[in-house]
Amino acid sequence: MEIKAVLFDMDGLMVDTESLSTEAFINSAKAQGYNMTKEETLKVLGFTKANIYQFWIDYFQGTNVDGKKLVDDHYEYIENVLYTVGPEKMPYVEELLKYLRENNYKIAVASSSDTADIKNNLEKTKLEKYIDEIASGAEVENGKPAPDVFLLAAKRLGVDPKDCLILEDSKAGIKAGKASGAMVFMVPDMYTVDKECEDTADRILTNLGEVIEILEGKNE
């Protein structure tokens, strides 16, 4: 197998939006008198916006918490940060993107986030210059763990998914990646790796810098 393209998840892999999302959910829940745990906020990791709304509406059905308002307030909280100062870059992301660009790999972002949010985060972090294509979960019928967004990204790059390496940080993401037929490396951020993750991903890494070592054959 020859890797011709690398497909990046965005949230929690390229940019540190997941800790912000956790903060936003806890803050929004508190406004409705509910003490949400960090573990609860991670239940929707990697979900599309539509699926996040549906999850929390169902989760709080029959309670005093309005799931739709919770998500609305959470997105407002996040956007106040992302569209002003922008997110922080994750460790080694720019070094890896530079390496891929210099070595003629095609590069795409395949994220569950909306297109506008993907573009904003890439612009704010000045990473957009490395990216050939983007694909959003809002553009496909099925969100992760379905492979749709990765298949769309590979198609836009003109590369067979089997010739792609997918980088992900969530369980839903690595399942989606494997379902696409690609090689998948997991670089966990807030997600705790369990046996299912170990069995699904081709490799589990501690940071994005390790990807360069593997591609160079130094870490076989």
Foldseek 3Di string as FASTA:
>chain_A
DAAQAEEEEPDLAFFPCLVLLLVLLQVLVVVQVDRDDSVVSCPQVQHALVVQLVVQCVVQPPHSDRSNSSSVSSVVSSCVCCVPQRTHTFPCNQVLLVVCVVVNHAYEYQYSYDPVSVVSNCVNHVNVVSHDYYFYVVVDDDTFVAQTSVVVRCVVVVHQLCSYEYEEADPSPLSNSVNSNYAYEHAHRPDDDDVSNVVRHPYYDPHPVVVVCVSVVNPD
